[in-house]
C-alpha atoms as a PDB file:
ATOM      1  CA  MET A   1      47.772 -20.333  36.440  1.00  0.00           C
ATOM      2  CA  VAL A   2      49.253 -16.844  36.693  1.00  0.00           C
ATOM      3  CA  THR A   3      47.531 -14.770  34.054  1.00  0.00           C
ATOM      4  CA  ASP A   4      48.481 -11.155  34.805  1.00  0.00           C
ATOM      5  CA  VAL A   5      51.407  -9.753  36.759  1.00  0.00           C
ATOM      6  CA  SER A   6      50.904  -6.057  35.951  1.00  0.00           C
ATOM      7  CA  LEU A   7      49.823  -3.639  38.637  1.00  0.00           C
ATOM      8  CA  LYS A   8      46.282  -2.361  38.770  1.00  0.00           C
ATOM      9  CA  PHE A   9      45.096   0.817  40.442  1.00  0.00           C
ATOM     10  CA  ALA A  10      42.051   1.781  42.473  1.00  0.00           C
ATOM     11  CA  ASN A  11      41.132   5.332  43.446  1.00  0.00           C
ATOM     12  CA  ARG A  12      39.980   5.796  47.028  1.00  0.00           C
ATOM     13  CA  ASP A  13      38.884   9.368  47.646  1.00  0.00           C
ATOM     14  CA  GLY A  14      41.596  10.717  45.394  1.00  0.00           C
ATOM     15  CA  VAL A  15      44.356   8.389  46.626  1.00  0.00           C
ATOM     16  CA  LYS A  16      45.627   5.941  44.020  1.00  0.00           C
ATOM     17  CA  LEU A  17      46.197   2.498  45.525  1.00  0.00           C
ATOM     18  CA  ALA A  18      48.319   0.038  43.537  1.00  0.00           C
ATOM     19  CA  TYR A  19      47.834  -3.713  43.754  1.00  0.00           C
ATOM     20  CA  LEU A  20      48.691  -6.923  41.943  1.00  0.00           C
ATOM     21  CA  ASP A  21      45.726  -9.183  41.135  1.00  0.00           C
ATOM     22  CA  THR A  22      46.635 -12.485  39.541  1.00  0.00           C
ATOM     23  CA  GLY A  23      45.746 -16.168  39.460  1.00  0.00           C
ATOM     24  CA  ALA A  24      42.400 -17.794  40.209  1.00  0.00           C
ATOM     25  CA  GLY A  25      40.939 -20.198  42.724  1.00  0.00           C
ATOM     26  CA  ASP A  26      39.583 -20.375  46.263  1.00  0.00           C
ATOM     27  CA  PRO A  27      40.278 -19.350  48.859  1.00  0.00           C
ATOM     28  CA  PRO A  28      41.695 -16.065  47.553  1.00  0.00           C
ATOM     29  CA  LEU A  29      44.759 -14.638  49.289  1.00  0.00           C
ATOM     30  CA  LEU A  30      45.468 -11.037  50.289  1.00  0.00           C
ATOM     31  CA  PHE A  31      49.139 -10.263  50.943  1.00  0.00           C
ATOM     32  CA  VAL A  32      49.955  -7.139  52.980  1.00  0.00           C
ATOM     33  CA  HIS A  33      53.569  -5.968  53.225  1.00  0.00           C
ATOM     34  CA  GLY A  34      55.377  -4.358  56.144  1.00  0.00           C
ATOM     35  CA  TRP A  35      56.713  -0.939  57.118  1.00  0.00           C
ATOM     36  CA  CYS A  36      58.366   0.940  54.233  1.00  0.00           C
ATOM     37  CA  CYS A  37      58.121  -2.081  51.911  1.00  0.00           C
ATOM     38  CA  ASN A  38      55.849  -2.944  48.942  1.00  0.00           C
ATOM     39  CA  HIS A  39      54.173  -5.883  47.217  1.00  0.00           C
ATOM     40  CA  THR A  40      57.458  -7.159  45.750  1.00  0.00           C
ATOM     41  CA  TYR A  41      58.421  -8.569  49.147  1.00  0.00           C
ATOM     42  CA  TRP A  42      55.944 -11.353  48.342  1.00  0.00           C
ATOM     43  CA  ARG A  43      57.719 -12.196  45.072  1.00  0.00           C
ATOM     44  CA  ASP A  44      58.598 -15.686  46.295  1.00  0.00           C
ATOM     45  CA  GLN A  45      54.959 -16.401  47.135  1.00  0.00           C
ATOM     46  CA  ILE A  46      52.890 -14.755  44.371  1.00  0.00           C
ATOM     47  CA  PRO A  47      53.766 -17.019  41.403  1.00  0.00           C
ATOM     48  CA  GLU A  48      53.538 -20.212  43.427  1.00  0.00           C
ATOM     49  CA  PHE A  49      50.205 -19.512  45.096  1.00  0.00           C
ATOM     50  CA  ALA A  50      48.667 -17.919  41.997  1.00  0.00           C
ATOM     51  CA  GLN A  51      48.720 -21.356  40.380  1.00  0.00           C
ATOM     52  CA  ARG A  52      45.807 -22.398  42.631  1.00  0.00           C
ATOM     53  CA  HIS A  53      44.462 -19.198  44.166  1.00  0.00           C
ATOM     54  CA  ARG A  54      43.432 -15.684  43.285  1.00  0.00           C
ATOM     55  CA  VAL A  55      46.279 -13.641  44.738  1.00  0.00           C
ATOM     56  CA  VAL A  56      46.125  -9.942  45.542  1.00  0.00           C
ATOM     57  CA  ALA A  57      49.222  -8.134  46.853  1.00  0.00           C
ATOM     58  CA  VAL A  58      48.848  -4.486  47.769  1.00  0.00           C
ATOM     59  CA  ASP A  59      51.100  -1.453  47.874  1.00  0.00           C
ATOM     60  CA  LEU A  60      49.895   0.406  50.968  1.00  0.00           C
ATOM     61  CA  ARG A  61      49.388   4.146  50.618  1.00  0.00           C
ATOM     62  CA  GLY A  62      52.766   5.811  51.049  1.00  0.00           C
ATOM     63  CA  CYS A  63      54.554   2.781  49.577  1.00  0.00           C
ATOM     64  CA  GLY A  64      55.534   1.317  46.222  1.00  0.00           C
ATOM     65  CA  GLU A  65      53.480   2.615  43.315  1.00  0.00           C
ATOM     66  CA  SER A  66      50.605   3.887  45.459  1.00  0.00           C
ATOM     67  CA  ASN A  67      50.179   7.605  46.107  1.00  0.00           C
ATOM     68  CA  LYS A  68      52.152   9.079  48.993  1.00  0.00           C
ATOM     69  CA  PRO A  69      49.965  11.835  50.443  1.00  0.00           C
ATOM     70  CA  ASP A  70      51.528  14.189  52.981  1.00  0.00           C
ATOM     71  CA  GLN A  71      49.659  12.875  56.011  1.00  0.00           C
ATOM     72  CA  ASP A  72      50.152  10.905  59.194  1.00  0.00           C
ATOM     73  CA  TYR A  73      50.074   7.162  58.497  1.00  0.00           C
ATOM     74  CA  THR A  74      48.264   4.845  60.901  1.00  0.00           C
ATOM     75  CA  ILE A  75      47.268   1.203  61.128  1.00  0.00           C
ATOM     76  CA  GLU A  76      43.643   2.325  61.050  1.00  0.00           C
ATOM     77  CA  THR A  77      44.178   4.153  57.750  1.00  0.00           C
ATOM     78  CA  PHE A  78      45.826   1.080  56.237  1.00  0.00           C
ATOM     79  CA  ARG A  79      43.053  -1.154  57.620  1.00  0.00           C
ATOM     80  CA  THR A  80      40.275   0.915  56.083  1.00  0.00           C
ATOM     81  CA  ASP A  81      42.142   1.016  52.763  1.00  0.00           C
ATOM     82  CA  ALA A  82      42.500  -2.785  52.803  1.00  0.00           C
ATOM     83  CA  ALA A  83      38.842  -3.329  53.731  1.00  0.00           C
ATOM     84  CA  TRP A  84      37.718  -0.894  51.037  1.00  0.00           C
ATOM     85  CA  LEU A  85      39.922  -2.487  48.370  1.00  0.00           C
ATOM     86  CA  THR A  86      38.759  -5.992  49.311  1.00  0.00           C
ATOM     87  CA  ARG A  87      35.171  -4.981  48.681  1.00  0.00           C
ATOM     88  CA  GLU A  88      35.979  -2.790  45.678  1.00  0.00           C
ATOM     89  CA  ILE A  89      37.612  -5.619  43.697  1.00  0.00           C
ATOM     90  CA  GLY A  90      35.255  -8.365  44.869  1.00  0.00           C
ATOM     91  CA  LEU A  91      37.773 -10.344  46.893  1.00  0.00           C
ATOM     92  CA  GLN A  92      35.553 -12.856  48.668  1.00  0.00           C
ATOM     93  CA  ARG A  93      36.684 -13.771  52.201  1.00  0.00           C
ATOM     94  CA  PRO A  94      40.419 -14.005  51.543  1.00  0.00           C
ATOM     95  CA  VAL A  95      43.064 -15.488  53.771  1.00  0.00           C
ATOM     96  CA  VAL A  96      44.864 -12.296  54.844  1.00  0.00           C
ATOM     97  CA  ILE A  97      48.642 -12.673  55.128  1.00  0.00           C
ATOM     98  CA  GLY A  98      50.495  -9.766  56.723  1.00  0.00           C
ATOM     99  CA  HIS A  99      54.217  -9.356  57.266  1.00  0.00           C
ATOM    100  CA  SER A 100      55.489  -7.172  60.123  1.00  0.00           C
ATOM    101  CA  MET A 101      53.325  -4.011  60.178  1.00  0.00           C
ATOM    102  CA  GLY A 102      51.100  -5.797  57.682  1.00  0.00           C
ATOM    103  CA  GLY A 103      50.360  -8.323  60.426  1.00  0.00           C
ATOM    104  CA  GLN A 104      48.962  -5.577  62.634  1.00  0.00           C
ATOM    105  CA  ILE A 105      46.830  -4.416  59.717  1.00  0.00           C
ATOM    106  CA  ALA A 106      45.583  -7.986  59.239  1.00  0.00           C
ATOM    107  CA  LEU A 107      44.821  -8.287  62.959  1.00  0.00           C
ATOM    108  CA  GLN A 108      42.754  -5.111  62.983  1.00  0.00           C
ATOM    109  CA  LEU A 109      41.041  -6.073  59.724  1.00  0.00           C
ATOM    110  CA  VAL A 110      39.784  -9.406  61.025  1.00  0.00           C
ATOM    111  CA  ARG A 111      38.816  -7.975  64.398  1.00  0.00           C
ATOM    112  CA  ARG A 112      36.862  -5.066  62.958  1.00  0.00           C
ATOM    113  CA  ASP A 113      35.461  -6.964  59.941  1.00  0.00           C
ATOM    114  CA  PRO A 114      35.585 -10.688  60.823  1.00  0.00           C
ATOM    115  CA  GLN A 115      33.130 -11.512  58.047  1.00  0.00           C
ATOM    116  CA  LEU A 116      35.549 -10.029  55.505  1.00  0.00           C
ATOM    117  CA  ALA A 117      38.247 -12.685  55.896  1.00  0.00           C
ATOM    118  CA  ARG A 118      38.417 -16.454  56.075  1.00  0.00           C
ATOM    119  CA  ALA A 119      41.629 -16.605  58.129  1.00  0.00           C
ATOM    120  CA  ALA A 120      44.720 -14.596  59.039  1.00  0.00           C
ATOM    121  CA  VAL A 121      48.447 -15.272  58.907  1.00  0.00           C
ATOM    122  CA  PHE A 122      50.833 -13.011  60.806  1.00  0.00           C
ATOM    123  CA  VAL A 123      54.442 -13.135  59.616  1.00  0.00           C
ATOM    124  CA  ASP A 124      56.824 -11.971  62.358  1.00  0.00           C
ATOM    125  CA  ALA A 125      54.403  -9.175  63.227  1.00  0.00           C
ATOM    126  CA  PRO A 126      54.763  -6.858  66.262  1.00  0.00           C
ATOM    127  CA  MET A 127      51.871  -8.262  68.295  1.00  0.00           C
ATOM    128  CA  LEU A 128      53.262  -7.896  71.809  1.00  0.00           C
ATOM    129  CA  PRO A 129      54.186  -4.574  73.399  1.00  0.00           C
ATOM    130  CA  PHE A 130      57.880  -3.754  73.202  1.00  0.00           C
ATOM    131  CA  PRO A 131      59.704  -4.949  76.340  1.00  0.00           C
ATOM    132  CA  GLU A 132      60.370  -2.197  78.880  1.00  0.00           C
ATOM    133  CA  GLU A 133      64.116  -2.368  78.303  1.00  0.00           C
ATOM    134  CA  PHE A 134      63.582  -1.522  74.616  1.00  0.00           C
ATOM    135  CA  GLN A 135      61.582   1.658  75.295  1.00  0.00           C
ATOM    136  CA  PRO A 136      64.543   4.097  75.455  1.00  0.00           C
ATOM    137  CA  MET A 137      65.917   2.689  72.200  1.00  0.00           C
ATOM    138  CA  VAL A 138      62.514   2.974  70.495  1.00  0.00           C
ATOM    139  CA  ALA A 139      62.074   6.569  71.692  1.00  0.00           C
ATOM    140  CA  SER A 140      65.556   7.480  70.454  1.00  0.00           C
ATOM    141  CA  MET A 141      64.916   5.894  67.051  1.00  0.00           C
ATOM    142  CA  LEU A 142      61.593   7.706  66.608  1.00  0.00           C
ATOM    143  CA  GLU A 143      63.299  10.985  67.484  1.00  0.00           C
ATOM    144  CA  GLY A 144      65.970  10.208  64.913  1.00  0.00           C
ATOM    145  CA  LEU A 145      63.378   9.457  62.232  1.00  0.00           C
ATOM    146  CA  ARG A 146      61.963  12.944  62.755  1.00  0.00           C
ATOM    147  CA  SER A 147      65.414  14.498  62.280  1.00  0.00           C
ATOM    148  CA  PRO A 148      67.368  15.375  59.118  1.00  0.00           C
ATOM    149  CA  ALA A 149      69.376  12.181  59.683  1.00  0.00           C
ATOM    150  CA  TYR A 150      66.289   9.969  59.280  1.00  0.00           C
ATOM    151  CA  ARG A 151      67.719   7.902  56.420  1.00  0.00           C
ATOM    152  CA  GLU A 152      70.807   7.020  58.440  1.00  0.00           C
ATOM    153  CA  VAL A 153      68.635   6.126  61.428  1.00  0.00           C
ATOM    154  CA  ALA A 154      66.414   3.929  59.247  1.00  0.00           C
ATOM    155  CA  THR A 155      69.478   2.254  57.697  1.00  0.00           C
ATOM    156  CA  ASN A 156      70.840   1.376  61.137  1.00  0.00           C
ATOM    157  CA  PHE A 157      67.477  -0.014  62.261  1.00  0.00           C
ATOM    158  CA  VAL A 158      66.963  -2.198  59.194  1.00  0.00           C
ATOM    159  CA  ALA A 159      70.542  -3.472  59.110  1.00  0.00           C
ATOM    160  CA  ASN A 160      70.886  -4.258  62.808  1.00  0.00           C
ATOM    161  CA  PHE A 161      67.404  -5.310  63.882  1.00  0.00           C
ATOM    162  CA  LEU A 162      65.706  -6.868  60.844  1.00  0.00           C
ATOM    163  CA  PHE A 163      68.614  -9.034  59.719  1.00  0.00           C
ATOM    164  CA  ARG A 164      71.256 -11.248  61.290  1.00  0.00           C
ATOM    165  CA  PRO A 165      74.835 -11.932  60.146  1.00  0.00           C
ATOM    166  CA  GLU A 166      73.882 -15.041  58.172  1.00  0.00           C
ATOM    167  CA  SER A 167      71.037 -13.298  56.302  1.00  0.00           C
ATOM    168  CA  PRO A 168      71.606 -13.072  52.535  1.00  0.00           C
ATOM    169  CA  ALA A 169      73.718  -9.990  51.847  1.00  0.00           C
ATOM    170  CA  ALA A 170      71.932  -9.128  48.603  1.00  0.00           C
ATOM    171  CA  LEU A 171      68.523  -9.215  50.304  1.00  0.00           C
ATOM    172  CA  LYS A 172      69.833  -7.023  53.117  1.00  0.00           C
ATOM    173  CA  GLU A 173      71.275  -4.430  50.722  1.00  0.00           C
ATOM    174  CA  GLU A 174      68.159  -4.368  48.557  1.00  0.00           C
ATOM    175  CA  THR A 175      65.890  -4.008  51.580  1.00  0.00           C
ATOM    176  CA  ILE A 176      67.915  -1.183  53.112  1.00  0.00           C
ATOM    177  CA  ALA A 177      67.844   0.730  49.823  1.00  0.00           C
ATOM    178  CA  ALA A 178      64.098   0.248  49.376  1.00  0.00           C
ATOM    179  CA  MET A 179      62.997   0.949  52.940  1.00  0.00           C
ATOM    180  CA  THR A 180      65.146   4.041  53.428  1.00  0.00           C
ATOM    181  CA  SER A 181      63.637   5.650  50.318  1.00  0.00           C
ATOM    182  CA  ALA A 182      60.212   5.893  51.978  1.00  0.00           C
ATOM    183  CA  PRO A 183      58.841   9.362  52.772  1.00  0.00           C
ATOM    184  CA  GLN A 184      60.088  10.644  56.116  1.00  0.00           C
ATOM    185  CA  ARG A 185      56.582  11.359  57.431  1.00  0.00           C
ATOM    186  CA  PHE A 186      55.561   7.810  56.590  1.00  0.00           C
ATOM    187  CA  MET A 187      58.553   6.414  58.459  1.00  0.00           C
ATOM    188  CA  HIS A 188      58.027   8.116  61.782  1.00  0.00           C
ATOM    189  CA  THR A 189      54.221   8.311  61.928  1.00  0.00           C
ATOM    190  CA  ALA A 190      53.658   4.697  60.878  1.00  0.00           C
ATOM    191  CA  LEU A 191      56.339   3.389  63.229  1.00  0.00           C
ATOM    192  CA  THR A 192      54.920   5.434  66.103  1.00  0.00           C
ATOM    193  CA  ASP A 193      51.487   3.904  65.534  1.00  0.00           C
ATOM    194  CA  ILE A 194      52.894   0.382  65.256  1.00  0.00           C
ATOM    195  CA  GLY A 195      54.022   0.782  68.865  1.00  0.00           C
ATOM    196  CA  SER A 196      50.511   1.617  70.089  1.00  0.00           C
ATOM    197  CA  GLU A 197      49.158  -1.146  72.320  1.00  0.00           C
ATOM    198  CA  GLN A 198      45.675  -0.687  70.875  1.00  0.00           C
ATOM    199  CA  ASN A 199      46.983  -2.256  67.664  1.00  0.00           C
ATOM    200  CA  MET A 200      48.090  -5.396  69.505  1.00  0.00           C
ATOM    201  CA  ALA A 201      45.332  -5.854  72.071  1.00  0.00           C
ATOM    202  CA  ALA A 202      45.247  -9.300  73.653  1.00  0.00           C
ATOM    203  CA  GLY A 203      42.435 -11.794  73.231  1.00  0.00           C
ATOM    204  CA  PRO A 204      41.108 -14.465  70.878  1.00  0.00           C
ATOM    205  CA  ILE A 205      41.154 -13.724  67.159  1.00  0.00           C
ATOM    206  CA  PRO A 206      37.741 -14.228  65.509  1.00  0.00           C
ATOM    207  CA  VAL A 207      39.034 -16.256  62.533  1.00  0.00           C
ATOM    208  CA  PRO A 208      41.500 -19.178  62.268  1.00  0.00           C
ATOM    209  CA  SER A 209      44.966 -17.704  62.654  1.00  0.00           C
ATOM    210  CA  LEU A 210      48.639 -18.600  62.331  1.00  0.00           C
ATOM    211  CA  PHE A 211      51.736 -16.720  63.485  1.00  0.00           C
ATOM    212  CA  VAL A 212      54.944 -17.502  61.598  1.00  0.00           C
ATOM    213  CA  ARG A 213      57.687 -16.397  63.953  1.00  0.00           C
ATOM    214  CA  ALA A 214      61.298 -15.583  63.096  1.00  0.00           C
ATOM    215  CA  ALA A 215      63.905 -17.057  65.410  1.00  0.00           C
ATOM    216  CA  THR A 216      65.081 -13.493  66.125  1.00  0.00           C
ATOM    217  CA  LEU A 217      61.729 -12.248  67.487  1.00  0.00           C
ATOM    218  CA  PRO A 218      61.954 -11.317  71.203  1.00  0.00           C
ATOM    219  CA  ALA A 219      58.405 -12.586  71.830  1.00  0.00           C
ATOM    220  CA  THR A 220      58.402 -16.333  72.474  1.00  0.00           C
ATOM    221  CA  GLU A 221      55.966 -18.903  71.103  1.00  0.00           C
ATOM    222  CA  ASP A 222      54.427 -19.310  74.557  1.00  0.00           C
ATOM    223  CA  GLU A 223      53.969 -15.553  75.001  1.00  0.00           C
ATOM    224  CA  LEU A 224      52.223 -15.273  71.635  1.00  0.00           C
ATOM    225  CA  LYS A 225      49.931 -18.240  72.337  1.00  0.00           C
ATOM    226  CA  ALA A 226      49.049 -16.863  75.777  1.00  0.00           C
ATOM    227  CA  ARG A 227      48.211 -13.396  74.424  1.00  0.00           C
ATOM    228  CA  TYR A 228      46.124 -14.723  71.509  1.00  0.00           C
ATOM    229  CA  PRO A 229      44.381 -17.928  72.652  1.00  0.00           C
ATOM    230  CA  GLY A 230      43.773 -20.385  69.826  1.00  0.00           C
ATOM    231  CA  MET A 231      46.386 -18.922  67.483  1.00  0.00           C
ATOM    232  CA  GLU A 232      48.860 -21.414  66.002  1.00  0.00           C
ATOM    233  CA  VAL A 233      52.527 -20.430  66.205  1.00  0.00           C
ATOM    234  CA  VAL A 234      55.360 -21.842  64.091  1.00  0.00           C
ATOM    235  CA  THR A 235      58.994 -20.707  64.312  1.00  0.00           C
ATOM    236  CA  VAL A 236      61.313 -20.581  61.294  1.00  0.00           C
ATOM    237  CA  ASP A 237      65.097 -20.342  61.641  1.00  0.00           C
ATOM    238  CA  ALA A 238      65.364 -16.998  59.864  1.00  0.00           C
ATOM    239  CA  ALA A 239      65.420 -13.277  60.579  1.00  0.00           C
ATOM    240  CA  HIS A 240      62.520 -10.860  60.086  1.00  0.00           C
ATOM    241  CA  PHE A 241      61.989 -11.324  56.328  1.00  0.00           C
ATOM    242  CA  ILE A 242      61.109 -15.003  56.672  1.00  0.00           C
ATOM    243  CA  GLN A 243      59.254 -15.192  53.351  1.00  0.00           C
ATOM    244  CA  ASN A 244      62.385 -14.043  51.491  1.00  0.00           C
ATOM    245  CA  GLU A 245      65.090 -15.735  53.561  1.00  0.00           C
ATOM    246  CA  LYS A 246      63.403 -19.156  53.686  1.00  0.00           C
ATOM    247  CA  PRO A 247      60.774 -19.042  50.926  1.00  0.00           C
ATOM    248  CA  GLN A 248      60.362 -22.787  50.426  1.00  0.00           C
ATOM    249  CA  GLU A 249      59.911 -23.467  54.128  1.00  0.00           C
ATOM    250  CA  PHE A 250      57.583 -20.503  54.532  1.00  0.00           C
ATOM    251  CA  ASN A 251      55.509 -21.477  51.490  1.00  0.00           C
ATOM    252  CA  ALA A 252      55.104 -25.032  52.793  1.00  0.00           C
ATOM    253  CA  ILE A 253      53.851 -23.725  56.150  1.00  0.00           C
ATOM    254  CA  LEU A 254      51.466 -21.304  54.463  1.00  0.00           C
ATOM    255  CA  ARG A 255      50.202 -23.942  52.027  1.00  0.00           C
ATOM    256  CA  GLN A 256      49.429 -26.360  54.846  1.00  0.00           C
ATOM    257  CA  PHE A 257      47.499 -23.690  56.759  1.00  0.00           C
ATOM    258  CA  ILE A 258      45.507 -22.642  53.683  1.00  0.00           C
ATOM    259  CA  GLU A 259      44.528 -26.245  53.003  1.00  0.00           C
ATOM    260  CA  LYS A 260      43.349 -26.526  56.607  1.00  0.00           C
ATOM    261  CA  VAL A 261      41.060 -23.468  56.450  1.00  0.00           C
ATOM    262  CA  ALA A 262      39.866 -23.850  52.839  1.00  0.00           C
END
């Protein structure tokens, strides 16, 4: 049963990291949110899975209630924070579930520390290099995020690339407001690093893994399976925020995978 839904805080070298730690049961689950988001984007998963599992959902540094130091933000920084927190709070071999940028963090976590996690779930994560035809658009967006108009640039990106016309309007509005309030340095440095091919290197993943793909993702199921041999891929008819647009379908997929690797 869910016993505590208040945030806790851990201090890593002077940086306060916020996280939710609730429920009980094995295997434990570690939820990692995406770019410019926070732990509340797992709100449709936390109460359900906390009935049978210990559930931890983090606010990455620079996001939510965690500290927002004036620094460049990288996948490696987020990975080391997640690995440190996992050990600090005694989270024993969790299933790591990462959405979007959080999927890259999960990928690096299990590759660098395979003994730290039982399995990994990547939710519409950027795990293939951006197609060549997208490169000019990406470069232009990164330039815009470094400019005084960064909030407008971020609004356009979230509205036009992370949602589709049939996405819930309230979710879209809430997400735009939340994501565009992130610190500017976080926005452009984290997004720049997301595009680095070292964070999506091809090859087998050392733990059981599942990719939950949105129907809007340019990368196909076959491309994902070819790049990461052995990884399961399931497509959901939703846009980028699958866990919020289709929570019941997503939760059923996640539950089935957890039961398989438990």
